[in-house]
Structure formats: structure tokens, C-alpha cells
């Protein structure tokens, strides 16, 4: 079967110290990853990568047709948002007095 090795108390203690250090490092890393700023940074980085991927070829060239479609879609959404605000602006805003 397996080879039996005797581990000295000093070896066991050294292994415990090493394991504690690894666990402390892991806990520190998880604490950093859970911070709202770090979460927001990762999400922004991910969104930027998706935009670059959608608007550029694998060689790095700009996909003009996709950029145009994205710009047109954004303009439509902005226009709809403006119209909706104007439409809602006249309702429900009475002064109290």
C-alpha cells in the first residue's frame, strides 16, 4: 500500500503555520473582492470588454456597422426617455400649500 512516514511535531506545527498564512491571505482577498468599489470596478471592466468585443474585430479593427447601430439605438432610447419625461412632467406635480 502506501508508504508510512512519521511526522514530527515540528513538521506538524510548520504545516499549521503555513496553512494559517494561506487561509489569512484567502480571507483578505475575499474581503477585498466583496468591497462595493471593487465589485463596481470589475463590472465596469467587464462592460468595457463587452463593448470592445462587440465593436471591434478579433484583429482590432473597428466594426463601423455595429458602432452605427449602437449609436442609432442609443439615440432612439434617449429620445424616448426625453419624450416620457416631458409627457410625465405635467402630471402629479402640484404644489402644497
Protein backbone atom coordinates (compact mmCIF):
# COMPACT_ATOMS: atom_id res chain seq x y z
CA UNK A 1 0.00 0.00 0.00
CA UNK A 2 1.24 3.45 0.91
CA UNK A 3 4.49 4.36 2.47
CA UNK A 4 4.25 5.23 6.17
CA UNK A 5 6.10 8.32 7.21
CA UNK A 6 6.38 9.68 10.69
CA UNK A 7 5.77 13.36 11.02
CA UNK A 8 7.48 15.17 13.82
CA UNK A 9 5.66 17.69 15.99
CA UNK A 10 7.85 20.42 14.48
CA UNK A 11 6.74 19.39 10.95
CA UNK A 12 3.09 19.42 12.01
CA UNK A 13 3.49 22.83 13.62
CA UNK A 14 5.20 24.22 10.49
CA UNK A 15 2.35 22.88 8.35
CA UNK A 16 -0.23 24.50 10.64
CA UNK A 17 1.58 27.86 10.43
CA UNK A 18 1.71 27.61 6.63
CA UNK A 19 -2.00 26.68 6.43
CA UNK A 20 -2.96 29.61 8.69
CA UNK A 21 -0.99 32.01 6.49
CA UNK A 22 -2.71 30.70 3.35
CA UNK A 23 -6.15 30.99 4.97
CA UNK A 24 -5.43 34.54 6.17
CA UNK A 25 -4.37 35.50 2.65
CA UNK A 26 -7.52 33.96 1.18
CA UNK A 27 -9.74 35.78 3.68
CA UNK A 28 -8.02 39.09 2.88
CA UNK A 29 -8.53 38.53 -0.84
CA UNK A 30 -12.21 37.68 -0.36
CA UNK A 31 -12.71 40.79 1.79
CA UNK A 32 -11.23 42.96 -0.96
CA UNK A 33 -13.35 41.30 -3.66
CA UNK A 34 -16.52 41.90 -1.63
CA UNK A 35 -15.98 45.67 -1.34
CA UNK A 36 -18.56 47.67 -3.34
CA UNK A 37 -15.85 49.70 -5.10
CA UNK A 38 -14.12 46.52 -6.24
CA UNK A 39 -17.38 44.97 -7.43
CA UNK A 40 -18.19 48.14 -9.40
CA UNK A 41 -14.68 48.19 -10.88
CA UNK A 42 -14.99 44.59 -12.07
CA UNK A 43 -18.44 45.25 -13.57
CA UNK A 44 -17.19 48.34 -15.39
CA UNK A 45 -14.19 46.40 -16.69
CA UNK A 46 -16.48 43.62 -17.90
CA UNK A 47 -18.86 46.07 -19.62
CA UNK A 48 -15.94 47.81 -21.34
CA UNK A 49 -14.60 44.47 -22.58
CA UNK A 50 -18.03 43.56 -23.97
CA UNK A 51 -18.30 46.89 -25.82
CA UNK A 52 -14.82 46.46 -27.31
CA UNK A 53 -15.67 42.89 -28.31
CA UNK A 54 -18.94 43.99 -29.94
CA UNK A 55 -17.41 46.93 -31.80
CA UNK A 56 -14.07 45.50 -32.91
CA UNK A 57 -12.96 42.53 -34.97
CA UNK A 58 -10.61 39.97 -33.42
CA UNK A 59 -7.81 41.77 -35.28
CA UNK A 60 -8.71 45.05 -33.54
CA UNK A 61 -10.38 46.81 -36.48
CA UNK A 62 -13.46 48.93 -35.81
CA UNK A 63 -16.77 47.42 -36.93
CA UNK A 64 -18.32 50.60 -38.28
CA UNK A 65 -21.72 49.00 -38.96
CA UNK A 66 -22.05 47.86 -35.35
CA UNK A 67 -20.92 51.21 -33.96
CA UNK A 68 -23.53 52.92 -36.14
CA UNK A 69 -26.25 50.54 -35.00
CA UNK A 70 -25.33 51.06 -31.35
CA UNK A 71 -25.32 54.85 -31.79
CA UNK A 72 -28.70 54.78 -33.55
CA UNK A 73 -30.20 52.57 -30.86
CA UNK A 74 -28.84 54.82 -28.12
CA UNK A 75 -30.29 57.89 -29.83
CA UNK A 76 -33.72 56.24 -30.06
CA UNK A 77 -33.64 55.26 -26.38
CA UNK A 78 -32.55 58.76 -25.37
CA UNK A 79 -35.33 60.29 -27.45
CA UNK A 80 -37.92 58.00 -25.87
CA UNK A 81 -36.66 58.87 -22.38
CA UNK A 82 -36.92 62.60 -23.13
CA UNK A 83 -40.44 62.22 -24.52
CA UNK A 84 -41.51 60.20 -21.50
CA UNK A 85 -40.19 62.83 -19.08
CA UNK A 86 -41.94 65.61 -20.97
CA UNK A 87 -45.18 63.62 -21.01
CA UNK A 88 -44.99 62.91 -17.26
CA UNK A 89 -43.85 66.43 -16.41
CA UNK A 90 -47.36 67.92 -16.49
CA UNK A 91 -48.91 65.29 -14.21
CA UNK A 92 -48.85 64.82 -10.48
CA UNK A 93 -46.72 67.83 -9.64
CA UNK A 94 -48.94 70.10 -7.59
CA UNK A 95 -47.51 72.50 -5.10
CA UNK A 96 -48.51 72.03 -1.50
CA UNK A 97 -49.54 75.00 0.48
